[in-house]
Protein backbone atom coordinates (compact mmCIF):
# COMPACT_ATOMS: atom_id res chain seq x y z
CA MET A 1 29.96 68.58 -38.01
CA LYS A 2 28.00 65.72 -36.81
CA PRO A 3 28.62 63.63 -33.37
CA ILE A 4 30.34 60.79 -36.07
CA HIS A 5 32.81 62.99 -37.13
CA TYR A 6 33.58 63.91 -33.57
CA LEU A 7 33.76 60.33 -32.61
CA GLY A 8 35.87 59.89 -35.71
CA LEU A 9 38.26 62.54 -34.43
CA ALA A 10 38.48 60.35 -31.18
CA VAL A 11 39.22 57.38 -32.95
CA ARG A 12 41.96 58.88 -34.90
CA LEU A 13 43.43 60.18 -31.48
CA PHE A 14 43.26 56.59 -30.01
CA ALA A 15 45.16 55.49 -33.27
CA ILE A 16 47.77 57.97 -32.44
CA CYS A 17 48.26 56.71 -28.94
CA LEU A 18 48.25 53.16 -30.04
CA MET A 19 50.72 53.93 -32.82
CA VAL A 20 53.07 55.73 -30.34
CA TYR A 21 52.60 52.71 -27.78
CA GLY A 22 53.35 50.12 -30.71
CA VAL A 23 56.50 52.03 -32.03
CA SER A 24 58.06 52.39 -28.71
CA ASN A 25 57.51 48.82 -28.00
CA LEU A 26 59.19 47.75 -31.31
CA ILE A 27 62.45 50.02 -30.41
CA GLN A 28 62.64 48.11 -27.25
CA VAL A 29 62.31 44.76 -28.68
CA PHE A 30 65.02 45.77 -31.13
CA PHE A 31 67.56 47.72 -29.58
CA SER A 32 67.21 47.18 -25.58
CA PRO A 33 69.90 44.77 -24.05
CA VAL A 34 66.98 43.97 -21.30
CA TYR A 35 65.37 41.46 -23.73
CA GLY A 36 67.75 38.75 -23.68
CA PHE A 37 65.53 35.86 -25.60
CA SER A 38 66.36 32.52 -24.86
CA ASN A 39 64.99 31.17 -27.99
CA GLU A 40 63.02 32.44 -31.30
CA ASP A 41 59.46 31.94 -30.03
CA SER A 42 60.07 34.51 -27.12
CA PHE A 43 61.26 36.98 -29.79
CA ILE A 44 58.32 36.16 -32.24
CA VAL A 45 55.84 36.59 -29.02
CA TYR A 46 57.68 39.88 -28.22
CA LEU A 47 57.20 41.25 -31.66
CA LEU A 48 53.65 40.26 -32.19
CA VAL A 49 52.81 42.19 -28.95
CA SER A 50 54.61 45.33 -30.39
CA LEU A 51 53.01 45.05 -33.85
CA ILE A 52 49.54 44.25 -32.67
CA PRO A 53 49.13 47.82 -31.52
CA ILE A 54 50.79 49.20 -34.73
CA LEU A 55 48.37 47.30 -37.04
CA LEU A 56 45.49 48.06 -34.94
CA SER A 57 46.18 51.69 -34.94
CA ILE A 58 46.55 51.47 -38.85
CA PHE A 59 43.08 49.94 -39.37
CA LEU A 60 41.78 53.08 -36.79
CA TRP A 61 43.14 55.49 -38.78
CA LEU A 62 41.84 53.91 -42.14
CA PHE A 63 38.37 53.55 -40.90
CA PRO A 64 37.04 56.15 -38.22
CA LEU A 65 33.68 56.96 -39.65
CA THR A 66 33.07 53.27 -39.71
CA ILE A 67 33.95 52.53 -36.39
CA ALA A 68 32.07 55.55 -35.01
CA ARG A 69 29.34 54.90 -37.15
CA LYS A 70 29.31 50.96 -35.59
CA ILE A 71 29.56 52.93 -32.17
CA LEU A 72 27.01 55.76 -32.37
CA GLY A 73 24.88 53.87 -34.79
CA PRO A 74 22.88 55.45 -38.15
CA GLU A 75 22.09 58.74 -38.08
CA GLU A 76 18.31 59.96 -38.70
CA LYS A 77 18.58 63.55 -40.46
CA GLU A 78 21.48 64.48 -42.82
CA PHE A 79 21.51 68.43 -41.73
CA GLU A 80 20.56 68.71 -38.17
CA PRO A 81 22.34 70.66 -35.65
CA VAL A 82 24.45 68.65 -33.21
CA ASN A 83 22.25 68.26 -30.13
CA PRO A 84 23.51 67.61 -26.52
CA LYS A 85 22.70 64.22 -26.35
CA GLY A 86 24.76 63.57 -29.45
CA ILE A 87 27.68 65.52 -27.92
CA LEU A 88 27.37 63.75 -24.48
CA ALA A 89 27.17 60.52 -26.50
CA VAL A 90 30.67 61.23 -28.10
CA LEU A 91 32.22 62.03 -24.79
CA ILE A 92 31.28 58.91 -23.15
CA ALA A 93 32.44 57.14 -26.19
CA SER A 94 35.71 59.06 -26.25
CA ILE A 95 36.10 58.10 -22.00
CA GLY A 96 35.18 54.74 -23.01
CA LEU A 97 38.29 54.86 -25.92
CA PHE A 98 40.56 56.00 -23.41
CA TYR A 99 40.02 53.30 -20.58
CA LEU A 100 40.29 50.85 -23.62
CA PHE A 101 43.63 52.08 -24.73
CA GLU A 102 44.69 51.62 -20.92
CA SER A 103 43.10 48.47 -20.39
CA VAL A 104 44.68 47.09 -23.57
CA ILE A 105 48.22 48.37 -22.56
CA ASP A 106 47.69 46.85 -19.33
CA GLY A 107 46.90 43.63 -20.91
CA LEU A 108 49.67 43.60 -23.22
CA TYR A 109 51.99 44.33 -20.36
CA TRP A 110 50.76 41.51 -18.16
CA LEU A 111 50.90 39.22 -21.27
CA THR A 112 54.58 40.34 -22.09
CA LEU A 113 55.17 39.44 -18.23
CA TYR A 114 53.62 35.96 -18.33
CA ARG A 115 55.54 34.99 -21.05
CA MET A 116 58.63 36.47 -19.60
CA MET A 117 58.13 34.44 -16.34
CA SER A 118 57.87 31.34 -18.56
CA GLU A 119 61.47 31.64 -19.59
CA PRO A 120 64.74 30.11 -18.03
CA PRO A 121 66.04 33.39 -16.24
CA TYR A 122 62.78 34.51 -14.89
CA THR A 123 60.91 31.12 -14.04
CA MET A 124 61.26 31.48 -10.38
CA MET A 125 59.07 34.99 -10.34
CA THR A 126 55.65 34.83 -9.27
CA LEU A 127 52.71 37.12 -9.23
CA THR A 128 52.33 38.83 -5.72
CA HIS A 129 48.99 39.92 -4.50
CA TYR A 130 49.25 43.21 -5.91
CA ASP A 131 50.03 41.64 -9.32
CA LYS A 132 47.05 39.75 -9.22
CA ALA A 133 44.51 42.87 -8.13
CA SER A 134 46.06 44.76 -10.84
CA ILE A 135 45.21 41.94 -13.69
CA ALA A 136 41.76 41.91 -12.03
CA SER A 137 41.63 45.97 -12.11
CA SER A 138 42.69 45.58 -15.79
CA ILE A 139 39.89 43.17 -16.86
CA ILE A 140 37.26 45.20 -15.43
CA GLU A 141 38.66 48.55 -16.87
CA CYS A 142 38.50 46.72 -20.01
CA ILE A 143 34.85 45.46 -19.32
CA LEU A 144 33.82 48.79 -18.35
CA ALA A 145 35.51 50.69 -21.30
CA VAL A 146 33.55 48.06 -23.75
CA ALA A 147 30.40 48.78 -21.90
CA LEU A 148 30.91 52.55 -22.19
CA LEU A 149 31.68 52.23 -25.96
CA CYS A 150 28.62 49.95 -26.60
CA PHE A 151 26.01 51.82 -24.56
CA CYS A 152 27.45 55.45 -24.96
CA LYS A 153 23.99 56.32 -26.59
CA SER A 154 21.96 54.96 -23.83
CA ILE A 155 24.22 56.32 -21.07
CA ALA A 156 23.71 59.87 -22.87
CA LYS A 157 20.01 59.42 -22.53
CA LEU A 158 20.11 58.21 -18.89
CA ILE A 159 22.40 61.28 -18.01
CA ALA A 160 20.22 64.10 -19.96
CA ARG A 161 17.04 62.43 -18.17
CA ILE A 162 18.37 62.83 -14.80
CA SER A 163 19.93 66.11 -15.39
CA ARG A 164 16.55 67.32 -16.06
């Protein structure tokens, strides 16, 4: 298998995680008594927050190799054994996918909380300093995850050069 195939497997695992998260949120939206929707807009927003991970997971599941090629770039030779730099790039990209998943989930949580705070029963709620720090942490986590995904080959080359 080539590095693209390994990363394709990681993309599919990421898709499974997103699907599980989206389905569990969708179940909560429809069956949880905690969500008392004050108007139809609230229900639509919560429904979208639940459906976005599901739709994204379907896209990732259907096109894992295309996404892996976009992340790792084109391969030079057709039949070459996997080199350590290729495996390292796949591992770095997998770490980036994991943290991207975490930051997307956190971002959806903060968007849902923000939407909840704008509705009548919860309008008195305010964000604490801890909440604001968590939001900043989620944003930084997302930026670093995207950087790991975009520059995984460069980071792998740097690590290989440093380890010599």
